[in-house]
């Protein structure tokens, strides 16, 4: 038994009546979302004609992406120069 699960609104759960969440046609996993964020042309091509409302990302995938973002090193900004106007 998961403590607090009765308070989570999950489609099809006891807490949320069936049919109250919008149906999606495509559910993206972590690998696909990661490839999408990196600009993978193949993934972008598949999703080009799909309505955004037809795509879902599970909460678990979002949690995995947030964890990856927290531990993955950021791109280096060494050598990048500010070319704008006055900064003061």
PDB file of N, CA and C in Angstrom:
ATOM      1  N   UNK A   1       0.841  -1.188   0.000  1.00  0.00           N
ATOM      2  CA  UNK A   1       0.000   0.000   0.000  1.00  0.00           C
ATOM      3  C   UNK A   1       0.883   1.247   0.000  1.00  0.00           C
ATOM      4  N   UNK A   2       0.551   2.198  -0.841  1.00  0.00           N
ATOM      5  CA  UNK A   2       1.286   3.451  -0.920  1.00  0.00           C
ATOM      6  C   UNK A   2       0.579   4.478  -0.041  1.00  0.00           C
ATOM      7  N   UNK A   3       1.301   5.011   0.921  1.00  0.00           N
ATOM      8  CA  UNK A   3       0.724   6.000   1.820  1.00  0.00           C
ATOM      9  C   UNK A   3       0.428   7.272   1.049  1.00  0.00           C
ATOM     10  N   UNK A   4      -0.760   7.792   1.198  1.00  0.00           N
ATOM     11  CA  UNK A   4      -1.138   9.028   0.542  1.00  0.00           C
ATOM     12  C   UNK A   4      -1.641   8.849  -0.881  1.00  0.00           C
ATOM     13  N   UNK A   5      -1.676   7.620  -1.367  1.00  0.00           N
ATOM     14  CA  UNK A   5      -2.103   7.390  -2.747  1.00  0.00           C
ATOM     15  C   UNK A   5      -3.553   7.797  -2.969  1.00  0.00           C
ATOM     16  N   UNK A   6      -4.355   7.767  -1.907  1.00  0.00           N
ATOM     17  CA  UNK A   6      -5.759   8.129  -2.060  1.00  0.00           C
ATOM     18  C   UNK A   6      -5.942   9.614  -2.370  1.00  0.00           C
ATOM     19  N   UNK A   7      -4.885  10.418  -2.191  1.00  0.00           N
ATOM     20  CA  UNK A   7      -4.967  11.843  -2.466  1.00  0.00           C
ATOM     21  C   UNK A   7      -4.409  12.220  -3.828  1.00  0.00           C
ATOM     22  N   UNK A   8      -3.895  11.262  -4.564  1.00  0.00           N
ATOM     23  CA  UNK A   8      -3.313  11.523  -5.876  1.00  0.00           C
ATOM     24  C   UNK A   8      -4.381  11.290  -6.931  1.00  0.00           C
ATOM     25  N   UNK A   9      -4.611  12.288  -7.764  1.00  0.00           N
ATOM     26  CA  UNK A   9      -5.599  12.151  -8.827  1.00  0.00           C
ATOM     27  C   UNK A   9      -4.966  11.494 -10.036  1.00  0.00           C
ATOM     28  N   UNK A  10      -5.167  10.214 -10.164  1.00  0.00           N
ATOM     29  CA  UNK A  10      -4.630   9.431 -11.260  1.00  0.00           C
ATOM     30  C   UNK A  10      -5.808   8.943 -12.090  1.00  0.00           C
ATOM     31  N   UNK A  11      -5.743   9.101 -13.412  1.00  0.00           N
ATOM     32  CA  UNK A  11      -6.854   8.605 -14.229  1.00  0.00           C
ATOM     33  C   UNK A  11      -7.169   7.161 -13.889  1.00  0.00           C
ATOM     34  N   UNK A  12      -8.438   6.895 -13.643  1.00  0.00           N
ATOM     35  CA  UNK A  12      -8.868   5.535 -13.331  1.00  0.00           C
ATOM     36  C   UNK A  12      -8.755   5.189 -11.863  1.00  0.00           C
ATOM     37  N   UNK A  13      -8.249   6.089 -11.023  1.00  0.00           N
ATOM     38  CA  UNK A  13      -8.128   5.798  -9.598  1.00  0.00           C
ATOM     39  C   UNK A  13      -9.463   6.033  -8.910  1.00  0.00           C
ATOM     40  N   UNK A  14      -9.547   5.615  -7.667  1.00  0.00           N
ATOM     41  CA  UNK A  14     -10.770   5.811  -6.887  1.00  0.00           C
ATOM     42  C   UNK A  14     -11.013   7.295  -6.658  1.00  0.00           C
ATOM     43  N   UNK A  15      -9.932   8.062  -6.484  1.00  0.00           N
ATOM     44  CA  UNK A  15     -10.056   9.487  -6.190  1.00  0.00           C
ATOM     45  C   UNK A  15     -10.554  10.286  -7.391  1.00  0.00           C
ATOM     46  N   UNK A  16     -10.342   9.807  -8.570  1.00  0.00           N
ATOM     47  CA  UNK A  16     -10.710  10.537  -9.780  1.00  0.00           C
ATOM     48  C   UNK A  16     -11.684   9.680 -10.582  1.00  0.00           C
ATOM     49  N   UNK A  17     -12.905  10.163 -10.795  1.00  0.00           N
ATOM     50  CA  UNK A  17     -13.870   9.365 -11.554  1.00  0.00           C
ATOM     51  C   UNK A  17     -13.397   9.095 -12.978  1.00  0.00           C
ATOM     52  N   UNK A  18     -13.669   7.909 -13.516  1.00  0.00           N
ATOM     53  CA  UNK A  18     -13.257   7.589 -14.892  1.00  0.00           C
ATOM     54  C   UNK A  18     -13.823   8.606 -15.874  1.00  0.00           C
ATOM     55  N   UNK A  19     -13.011   8.975 -16.838  1.00  0.00           N
ATOM     56  CA  UNK A  19     -13.446   9.893 -17.877  1.00  0.00           C
ATOM     57  C   UNK A  19     -13.290  11.357 -17.531  1.00  0.00           C
ATOM     58  N   UNK A  20     -12.786  11.672 -16.337  1.00  0.00           N
ATOM     59  CA  UNK A  20     -12.657  13.075 -15.963  1.00  0.00           C
ATOM     60  C   UNK A  20     -11.333  13.685 -16.426  1.00  0.00           C
ATOM     61  N   UNK A  21     -10.382  12.857 -16.826  1.00  0.00           N
ATOM     62  CA  UNK A  21      -9.118  13.343 -17.387  1.00  0.00           C
ATOM     63  C   UNK A  21      -9.194  13.222 -18.899  1.00  0.00           C
ATOM     64  N   UNK A  22      -8.600  14.168 -19.629  1.00  0.00           N
ATOM     65  CA  UNK A  22      -8.631  14.051 -21.088  1.00  0.00           C
ATOM     66  C   UNK A  22      -7.790  12.863 -21.560  1.00  0.00           C
ATOM     67  N   UNK A  23      -8.297  12.184 -22.562  1.00  0.00           N
ATOM     68  CA  UNK A  23      -7.557  11.050 -23.126  1.00  0.00           C
ATOM     69  C   UNK A  23      -6.447  11.568 -24.027  1.00  0.00           C
ATOM     70  N   UNK A  24      -5.320  10.878 -24.021  1.00  0.00           N
ATOM     71  CA  UNK A  24      -4.228  11.211 -24.926  1.00  0.00           C
ATOM     72  C   UNK A  24      -3.988  10.024 -25.839  1.00  0.00           C
ATOM     73  N   UNK A  25      -3.470  10.302 -27.020  1.00  0.00           N
ATOM     74  CA  UNK A  25      -3.192   9.235 -27.981  1.00  0.00           C
ATOM     75  C   UNK A  25      -1.771   8.728 -27.861  1.00  0.00           C
ATOM     76  N   UNK A  26      -0.866   9.595 -27.391  1.00  0.00           N
ATOM     77  CA  UNK A  26       0.549   9.243 -27.310  1.00  0.00           C
ATOM     78  C   UNK A  26       1.072   9.552 -25.914  1.00  0.00           C
ATOM     79  N   UNK A  27       1.729   8.569 -25.307  1.00  0.00           N
ATOM     80  CA  UNK A  27       2.365   8.754 -24.007  1.00  0.00           C
ATOM     81  C   UNK A  27       3.862   8.590 -24.230  1.00  0.00           C
ATOM     82  N   UNK A  28       4.619   9.649 -23.905  1.00  0.00           N
ATOM     83  CA  UNK A  28       6.056   9.654 -24.174  1.00  0.00           C
ATOM     84  C   UNK A  28       6.833   9.147 -22.965  1.00  0.00           C
ATOM     85  N   UNK A  29       7.818   8.283 -23.211  1.00  0.00           N
ATOM     86  CA  UNK A  29       8.671   7.810 -22.127  1.00  0.00           C
ATOM     87  C   UNK A  29       9.894   8.720 -22.007  1.00  0.00           C
ATOM     88  N   UNK A  30      10.719   8.457 -21.006  1.00  0.00           N
ATOM     89  CA  UNK A  30      11.873   9.312 -20.721  1.00  0.00           C
ATOM     90  C   UNK A  30      12.831   9.399 -21.901  1.00  0.00           C
ATOM     91  N   UNK A  31      13.089   8.273 -22.557  1.00  0.00           N
ATOM     92  CA  UNK A  31      14.018   8.283 -23.690  1.00  0.00           C
ATOM     93  C   UNK A  31      13.535   9.185 -24.815  1.00  0.00           C
ATOM     94  N   UNK A  32      12.253   9.117 -25.119  1.00  0.00           N
ATOM     95  CA  UNK A  32      11.705   9.917 -26.216  1.00  0.00           C
ATOM     96  C   UNK A  32      11.708  11.400 -25.855  1.00  0.00           C
ATOM     97  N   UNK A  33      11.323  11.732 -24.626  1.00  0.00           N
ATOM     98  CA  UNK A  33      11.326  13.142 -24.218  1.00  0.00           C
ATOM     99  C   UNK A  33      12.747  13.691 -24.238  1.00  0.00           C
ATOM    100  N   UNK A  34      13.717  12.906 -23.779  1.00  0.00           N
ATOM    101  CA  UNK A  34      15.116  13.339 -23.801  1.00  0.00           C
ATOM    102  C   UNK A  34      15.570  13.592 -25.234  1.00  0.00           C
ATOM    103  N   UNK A  35      15.243  12.674 -26.143  1.00  0.00           N
ATOM    104  CA  UNK A  35      15.621  12.860 -27.545  1.00  0.00           C
ATOM    105  C   UNK A  35      14.925  14.083 -28.137  1.00  0.00           C
ATOM    106  N   UNK A  36      13.689  14.305 -27.742  1.00  0.00           N
ATOM    107  CA  UNK A  36      12.937  15.463 -28.212  1.00  0.00           C
ATOM    108  C   UNK A  36      13.601  16.763 -27.739  1.00  0.00           C
ATOM    109  N   UNK A  37      14.000  16.801 -26.471  1.00  0.00           N
ATOM    110  CA  UNK A  37      14.653  17.985 -25.922  1.00  0.00           C
ATOM    111  C   UNK A  37      16.007  18.251 -26.572  1.00  0.00           C
ATOM    112  N   UNK A  38      16.646  17.202 -27.056  1.00  0.00           N
ATOM    113  CA  UNK A  38      17.945  17.351 -27.721  1.00  0.00           C
ATOM    114  C   UNK A  38      17.805  17.633 -29.215  1.00  0.00           C
ATOM    115  N   UNK A  39      16.557  17.728 -29.695  1.00  0.00           N
ATOM    116  CA  UNK A  39      16.322  18.090 -31.084  1.00  0.00           C
ATOM    117  C   UNK A  39      16.457  16.954 -32.078  1.00  0.00           C
ATOM    118  N   UNK A  40      16.245  15.721 -31.642  1.00  0.00           N
ATOM    119  CA  UNK A  40      16.341  14.555 -32.524  1.00  0.00           C
ATOM    120  C   UNK A  40      15.336  14.703 -33.670  1.00  0.00           C
ATOM    121  N   UNK A  41      15.860  14.779 -34.884  1.00  0.00           N
ATOM    122  CA  UNK A  41      15.026  14.996 -36.071  1.00  0.00           C
ATOM    123  C   UNK A  41      13.993  13.888 -36.279  1.00  0.00           C
ATOM    124  N   UNK A  42      14.360  12.666 -35.957  1.00  0.00           N
ATOM    125  CA  UNK A  42      13.435  11.542 -36.142  1.00  0.00           C
ATOM    126  C   UNK A  42      12.218  11.682 -35.220  1.00  0.00           C
ATOM    127  N   UNK A  43      12.478  12.024 -33.950  1.00  0.00           N
ATOM    128  CA  UNK A  43      11.380  12.205 -33.001  1.00  0.00           C
ATOM    129  C   UNK A  43      10.552  13.426 -33.383  1.00  0.00           C
ATOM    130  N   UNK A  44      11.230  14.524 -33.724  1.00  0.00           N
ATOM    131  CA  UNK A  44      10.518  15.730 -34.140  1.00  0.00           C
ATOM    132  C   UNK A  44       9.628  15.455 -35.355  1.00  0.00           C
ATOM    133  N   UNK A  45      10.131  14.649 -36.283  1.00  0.00           N
ATOM    134  CA  UNK A  45       9.355  14.309 -37.467  1.00  0.00           C
ATOM    135  C   UNK A  45       8.086  13.538 -37.135  1.00  0.00           C
ATOM    136  N   UNK A  46       8.204  12.601 -36.197  1.00  0.00           N
ATOM    137  CA  UNK A  46       7.029  11.817 -35.800  1.00  0.00           C
ATOM    138  C   UNK A  46       5.984  12.671 -35.102  1.00  0.00           C
ATOM    139  N   UNK A  47       6.422  13.668 -34.346  1.00  0.00           N
ATOM    140  CA  UNK A  47       5.489  14.486 -33.575  1.00  0.00           C
ATOM    141  C   UNK A  47       5.033  15.746 -34.306  1.00  0.00           C
ATOM    142  N   UNK A  48       5.575  16.006 -35.478  1.00  0.00           N
ATOM    143  CA  UNK A  48       5.274  17.243 -36.204  1.00  0.00           C
ATOM    144  C   UNK A  48       3.787  17.427 -36.486  1.00  0.00           C
ATOM    145  N   UNK A  49       3.098  16.351 -36.810  1.00  0.00           N
ATOM    146  CA  UNK A  49       1.684  16.457 -37.175  1.00  0.00           C
ATOM    147  C   UNK A  49       0.740  16.064 -36.046  1.00  0.00           C
ATOM    148  N   UNK A  50       1.276  15.908 -34.846  1.00  0.00           N
ATOM    149  CA  UNK A  50       0.467  15.480 -33.712  1.00  0.00           C
ATOM    150  C   UNK A  50       0.017  16.711 -32.921  1.00  0.00           C
ATOM    151  N   UNK A  51      -1.246  16.738 -32.563  1.00  0.00           N
ATOM    152  CA  UNK A  51      -1.762  17.830 -31.736  1.00  0.00           C
ATOM    153  C   UNK A  51      -1.155  17.740 -30.338  1.00  0.00           C
ATOM    154  N   UNK A  52      -0.693  18.853 -29.773  1.00  0.00           N
ATOM    155  CA  UNK A  52      -0.117  18.823 -28.434  1.00  0.00           C
ATOM    156  C   UNK A  52      -1.053  18.215 -27.382  1.00  0.00           C
ATOM    157  N   UNK A  53      -2.350  18.414 -27.548  1.00  0.00           N
ATOM    158  CA  UNK A  53      -3.309  17.864 -26.584  1.00  0.00           C
ATOM    159  C   UNK A  53      -3.419  16.345 -26.669  1.00  0.00           C
ATOM    160  N   UNK A  54      -2.870  15.754 -27.726  1.00  0.00           N
ATOM    161  CA  UNK A  54      -2.890  14.300 -27.894  1.00  0.00           C
ATOM    162  C   UNK A  54      -1.652  13.627 -27.295  1.00  0.00           C
ATOM    163  N   UNK A  55      -0.751  14.421 -26.685  1.00  0.00           N
ATOM    164  CA  UNK A  55       0.500  13.891 -26.149  1.00  0.00           C
ATOM    165  C   UNK A  55       0.504  14.053 -24.631  1.00  0.00           C
ATOM    166  N   UNK A  56       0.913  12.975 -23.944  1.00  0.00           N
ATOM    167  CA  UNK A  56       1.016  13.022 -22.490  1.00  0.00           C
ATOM    168  C   UNK A  56       2.391  12.592 -22.028  1.00  0.00           C
ATOM    169  N   UNK A  57       2.830  13.168 -20.922  1.00  0.00           N
ATOM    170  CA  UNK A  57       4.094  12.788 -20.295  1.00  0.00           C
ATOM    171  C   UNK A  57       3.759  12.379 -18.862  1.00  0.00           C
ATOM    172  N   UNK A  58       3.971  11.108 -18.515  1.00  0.00           N
ATOM    173  CA  UNK A  58       3.652  10.649 -17.160  1.00  0.00           C
ATOM    174  C   UNK A  58       4.464  11.381 -16.099  1.00  0.00           C
ATOM    175  N   UNK A  59       3.898  11.480 -14.918  1.00  0.00           N
ATOM    176  CA  UNK A  59       4.566  12.137 -13.803  1.00  0.00           C
ATOM    177  C   UNK A  59       5.905  11.487 -13.493  1.00  0.00           C
ATOM    178  N   UNK A  60       5.996  10.178 -13.610  1.00  0.00           N
ATOM    179  CA  UNK A  60       7.257   9.476 -13.366  1.00  0.00           C
ATOM    180  C   UNK A  60       8.335   9.939 -14.345  1.00  0.00           C
ATOM    181  N   UNK A  61       7.970  10.143 -15.602  1.00  0.00           N
ATOM    182  CA  UNK A  61       8.923  10.633 -16.607  1.00  0.00           C
ATOM    183  C   UNK A  61       9.384  12.040 -16.240  1.00  0.00           C
ATOM    184  N   UNK A  62       8.455  12.895 -15.833  1.00  0.00           N
ATOM    185  CA  UNK A  62       8.825  14.249 -15.412  1.00  0.00           C
ATOM    186  C   UNK A  62       9.802  14.198 -14.242  1.00  0.00           C
ATOM    187  N   UNK A  63       9.547  13.322 -13.272  1.00  0.00           N
ATOM    188  CA  UNK A  63      10.446  13.191 -12.121  1.00  0.00           C
ATOM    189  C   UNK A  63      11.831  12.728 -12.560  1.00  0.00           C
ATOM    190  N   UNK A  64      11.887  11.783 -13.492  1.00  0.00           N
ATOM    191  CA  UNK A  64      13.181  11.312 -13.996  1.00  0.00           C
ATOM    192  C   UNK A  64      13.929  12.432 -14.708  1.00  0.00           C
ATOM    193  N   UNK A  65      13.236  13.231 -15.482  1.00  0.00           N
ATOM    194  CA  UNK A  65      13.869  14.341 -16.198  1.00  0.00           C
ATOM    195  C   UNK A  65      14.392  15.400 -15.226  1.00  0.00           C
ATOM    196  N   UNK A  66      13.632  15.678 -14.181  1.00  0.00           N
ATOM    197  CA  UNK A  66      14.088  16.640 -13.180  1.00  0.00           C
ATOM    198  C   UNK A  66      15.319  16.120 -12.454  1.00  0.00           C
ATOM    199  N   UNK A  67      15.345  14.822 -12.173  1.00  0.00           N
ATOM    200  CA  UNK A  67      16.515  14.225 -11.522  1.00  0.00           C
ATOM    201  C   UNK A  67      17.729  14.313 -12.446  1.00  0.00           C
ATOM    202  N   UNK A  68      17.537  13.986 -13.718  1.00  0.00           N
ATOM    203  CA  UNK A  68      18.635  14.082 -14.685  1.00  0.00           C
ATOM    204  C   UNK A  68      19.151  15.513 -14.793  1.00  0.00           C
ATOM    205  N   UNK A  69      18.241  16.469 -14.803  1.00  0.00           N
ATOM    206  CA  UNK A  69      18.635  17.871 -14.915  1.00  0.00           C
ATOM    207  C   UNK A  69      19.446  18.313 -13.703  1.00  0.00           C
ATOM    208  N   UNK A  70      19.144  17.741 -12.548  1.00  0.00           N
ATOM    209  CA  UNK A  70      19.851  18.117 -11.324  1.00  0.00           C
ATOM    210  C   UNK A  70      21.256  17.536 -11.260  1.00  0.00           C
ATOM    211  N   UNK A  71      21.479  16.367 -11.893  1.00  0.00           N
ATOM    212  CA  UNK A  71      22.787  15.727 -11.775  1.00  0.00           C
ATOM    213  C   UNK A  71      23.645  15.851 -13.027  1.00  0.00           C
ATOM    214  N   UNK A  72      23.030  16.148 -14.162  1.00  0.00           N
ATOM    215  CA  UNK A  72      23.790  16.242 -15.413  1.00  0.00           C
ATOM    216  C   UNK A  72      24.562  17.547 -15.443  1.00  0.00           C
ATOM    217  N   UNK A  73      25.841  17.492 -15.804  1.00  0.00           N
ATOM    218  CA  UNK A  73      26.620  18.730 -15.844  1.00  0.00           C
ATOM    219  C   UNK A  73      26.078  19.694 -16.893  1.00  0.00           C
ATOM    220  N   UNK A  74      26.145  20.961 -16.567  1.00  0.00           N
ATOM    221  CA  UNK A  74      25.695  21.997 -17.492  1.00  0.00           C
ATOM    222  C   UNK A  74      26.762  22.228 -18.556  1.00  0.00           C
ATOM    223  N   UNK A  75      26.343  22.638 -19.757  1.00  0.00           N
ATOM    224  CA  UNK A  75      27.337  22.978 -20.780  1.00  0.00           C
ATOM    225  C   UNK A  75      28.217  24.122 -20.289  1.00  0.00           C
ATOM    226  N   UNK A  76      29.469  24.057 -20.622  1.00  0.00           N
ATOM    227  CA  UNK A  76      30.412  25.087 -20.189  1.00  0.00           C
ATOM    228  C   UNK A  76      30.134  26.388 -20.921  1.00  0.00           C
ATOM    229  N   UNK A  77      30.254  27.484 -20.189  1.00  0.00           N
ATOM    230  CA  UNK A  77      30.102  28.790 -20.810  1.00  0.00           C
ATOM    231  C   UNK A  77      31.466  29.445 -21.004  1.00  0.00           C
ATOM    232  N   UNK A  78      32.541  28.692 -20.787  1.00  0.00           N
ATOM    233  CA  UNK A  78      33.891  29.235 -20.977  1.00  0.00           C
ATOM    234  C   UNK A  78      34.072  29.646 -22.429  1.00  0.00           C
ATOM    235  N   UNK A  79      34.620  30.807 -22.632  1.00  0.00           N
ATOM    236  CA  UNK A  79      34.879  31.268 -23.996  1.00  0.00           C
ATOM    237  C   UNK A  79      33.712  32.017 -24.624  1.00  0.00           C
ATOM    238  N   UNK A  80      32.588  32.058 -23.942  1.00  0.00           N
ATOM    239  CA  UNK A  80      31.445  32.804 -24.470  1.00  0.00           C
ATOM    240  C   UNK A  80      31.552  34.234 -23.977  1.00  0.00           C
ATOM    241  N   UNK A  81      31.498  35.162 -24.900  1.00  0.00           N
ATOM    242  CA  UNK A  81      31.644  36.561 -24.529  1.00  0.00           C
ATOM    243  C   UNK A  81      30.311  37.279 -24.664  1.00  0.00           C
ATOM    244  N   UNK A  82      30.088  38.195 -23.777  1.00  0.00           N
ATOM    245  CA  UNK A  82      28.902  39.036 -23.837  1.00  0.00           C
ATOM    246  C   UNK A  82      29.120  40.097 -24.900  1.00  0.00           C
ATOM    247  N   UNK A  83      28.202  40.181 -25.862  1.00  0.00           N
ATOM    248  CA  UNK A  83      28.398  41.141 -26.944  1.00  0.00           C
ATOM    249  C   UNK A  83      27.321  42.219 -26.955  1.00  0.00           C
ATOM    250  N   UNK A  84      26.574  42.298 -25.855  1.00  0.00           N
ATOM    251  CA  UNK A  84      25.514  43.296 -25.770  1.00  0.00           C
ATOM    252  C   UNK A  84      26.060  44.652 -25.402  1.00  0.00           C
ATOM    253  N   UNK A  85      25.166  45.587 -25.111  1.00  0.00           N
ATOM    254  CA  UNK A  85      25.551  46.942 -24.755  1.00  0.00           C
ATOM    255  C   UNK A  85      26.088  47.016 -23.340  1.00  0.00           C
ATOM    256  N   UNK A  86      25.956  48.160 -22.746  1.00  0.00           N
ATOM    257  CA  UNK A  86      26.455  48.414 -21.401  1.00  0.00           C
ATOM    258  C   UNK A  86      25.787  47.491 -20.393  1.00  0.00           C
ATOM    259  N   UNK A  87      26.580  46.941 -19.476  1.00  0.00           N
ATOM    260  CA  UNK A  87      26.045  46.031 -18.469  1.00  0.00           C
ATOM    261  C   UNK A  87      25.941  46.716 -17.124  1.00  0.00           C
ATOM    262  N   UNK A  88      26.114  47.960 -17.017  1.00  0.00           N
ATOM    263  CA  UNK A  88      26.102  48.611 -15.731  1.00  0.00           C
ATOM    264  C   UNK A  88      25.076  49.586 -15.615  1.00  0.00           C
TER     265      UNK A  88
END
